[in-house]
Structures are given as structure tokens and as C-alpha cells.
């Protein structure tokens, strides 16, 4: 039995819709220790956040 060489093909064109934002991730019920610093209540990085419709830093 001979081994076949894998065929390397160029990537196909990207889909028009893309996958950005297709599966939003909700961090609402995560323990604080598992959240990235920018998503914690104290927000040590000062990243702007929208909380209850209001923008805060």
C-alpha cells in the first residue's frame, strides 16, 4: 500500500457574510476571576463599556 501525498489547495474566496459577530459571547454569568480585565466591574484598563444602554469608561 502506497502513501498518498496530501494535496495542498489554495483557500477559497471568503464568504460574503463572514463570521464576525455570528456567535456573540455573553459573559454575564461568568465568575469575575474568569473575565478578561476589560470586562470586570472595576474595569482596570478603562475600556469604554455600554452598561444598561449607557456608555461609561
C-alpha atoms as a PDB file:
ATOM      1  CA  UNK A   1       0.000   0.000   0.000  1.00  0.00           C
ATOM      2  CA  UNK A   2       1.488   3.335  -1.022  1.00  0.00           C
ATOM      3  CA  UNK A   3       1.216   6.512   0.965  1.00  0.00           C
ATOM      4  CA  UNK A   4      -0.521   9.358  -0.736  1.00  0.00           C
ATOM      5  CA  UNK A   5       0.848  12.854  -0.569  1.00  0.00           C
ATOM      6  CA  UNK A   6      -1.615  15.385   0.835  1.00  0.00           C
ATOM      7  CA  UNK A   7      -2.941  17.792  -1.743  1.00  0.00           C
ATOM      8  CA  UNK A   8      -2.483  21.435  -0.791  1.00  0.00           C
ATOM      9  CA  UNK A   9      -5.173  23.612  -2.265  1.00  0.00           C
ATOM     10  CA  UNK A  10      -5.398  27.416  -2.150  1.00  0.00           C
ATOM     11  CA  UNK A  11      -8.127  28.810   0.119  1.00  0.00           C
ATOM     12  CA  UNK A  12     -11.466  29.551  -1.438  1.00  0.00           C
ATOM     13  CA  UNK A  13     -12.867  33.028  -1.599  1.00  0.00           C
ATOM     14  CA  UNK A  14     -14.178  34.311   1.721  1.00  0.00           C
ATOM     15  CA  UNK A  15     -17.940  34.091   2.196  1.00  0.00           C
ATOM     16  CA  UNK A  16     -19.751  37.371   1.719  1.00  0.00           C
ATOM     17  CA  UNK A  17     -21.325  37.375   5.159  1.00  0.00           C
ATOM     18  CA  UNK A  18     -18.217  36.494   7.124  1.00  0.00           C
ATOM     19  CA  UNK A  19     -18.222  35.114  10.628  1.00  0.00           C
ATOM     20  CA  UNK A  20     -17.526  38.259  12.592  1.00  0.00           C
ATOM     21  CA  UNK A  21     -20.260  38.621  15.155  1.00  0.00           C
ATOM     22  CA  UNK A  22     -22.022  35.447  14.044  1.00  0.00           C
ATOM     23  CA  UNK A  23     -21.829  33.898  17.506  1.00  0.00           C
ATOM     24  CA  UNK A  24     -21.831  36.566  20.196  1.00  0.00           C
ATOM     25  CA  UNK A  25     -20.339  35.554  23.510  1.00  0.00           C
ATOM     26  CA  UNK A  26     -22.173  36.515  26.677  1.00  0.00           C
ATOM     27  CA  UNK A  27     -20.009  36.988  29.757  1.00  0.00           C
ATOM     28  CA  UNK A  28     -22.903  37.891  32.061  1.00  0.00           C
ATOM     29  CA  UNK A  29     -22.857  34.801  34.277  1.00  0.00           C
ATOM     30  CA  UNK A  30     -19.096  34.245  34.349  1.00  0.00           C
ATOM     31  CA  UNK A  31     -17.215  34.404  37.648  1.00  0.00           C
ATOM     32  CA  UNK A  32     -15.185  37.613  37.980  1.00  0.00           C
ATOM     33  CA  UNK A  33     -11.902  35.703  38.100  1.00  0.00           C
ATOM     34  CA  UNK A  34     -12.505  34.255  34.621  1.00  0.00           C
ATOM     35  CA  UNK A  35     -13.365  37.550  32.946  1.00  0.00           C
ATOM     36  CA  UNK A  36     -10.737  39.495  31.000  1.00  0.00           C
ATOM     37  CA  UNK A  37      -9.698  42.656  32.891  1.00  0.00           C
ATOM     38  CA  UNK A  38     -11.557  44.937  30.470  1.00  0.00           C
ATOM     39  CA  UNK A  39     -14.877  43.230  31.288  1.00  0.00           C
ATOM     40  CA  UNK A  40     -14.623  43.269  35.073  1.00  0.00           C
ATOM     41  CA  UNK A  41     -16.742  45.635  37.147  1.00  0.00           C
ATOM     42  CA  UNK A  42     -13.701  47.647  38.238  1.00  0.00           C
ATOM     43  CA  UNK A  43     -12.506  47.878  34.570  1.00  0.00           C
ATOM     44  CA  UNK A  44      -8.797  48.402  35.383  1.00  0.00           C
ATOM     45  CA  UNK A  45      -7.930  49.185  31.747  1.00  0.00           C
ATOM     46  CA  UNK A  46     -10.560  51.925  31.458  1.00  0.00           C
ATOM     47  CA  UNK A  47     -12.102  50.418  28.319  1.00  0.00           C
ATOM     48  CA  UNK A  48     -15.402  52.145  27.381  1.00  0.00           C
ATOM     49  CA  UNK A  49     -18.342  49.871  28.202  1.00  0.00           C
ATOM     50  CA  UNK A  50     -22.062  50.099  27.499  1.00  0.00           C
ATOM     51  CA  UNK A  51     -23.958  49.112  30.635  1.00  0.00           C
ATOM     52  CA  UNK A  52     -27.769  49.253  30.580  1.00  0.00           C
ATOM     53  CA  UNK A  53     -27.597  51.399  27.433  1.00  0.00           C
ATOM     54  CA  UNK A  54     -25.266  53.978  28.958  1.00  0.00           C
ATOM     55  CA  UNK A  55     -21.672  54.411  27.814  1.00  0.00           C
ATOM     56  CA  UNK A  56     -19.159  54.505  30.653  1.00  0.00           C
ATOM     57  CA  UNK A  57     -15.398  54.347  30.903  1.00  0.00           C
END
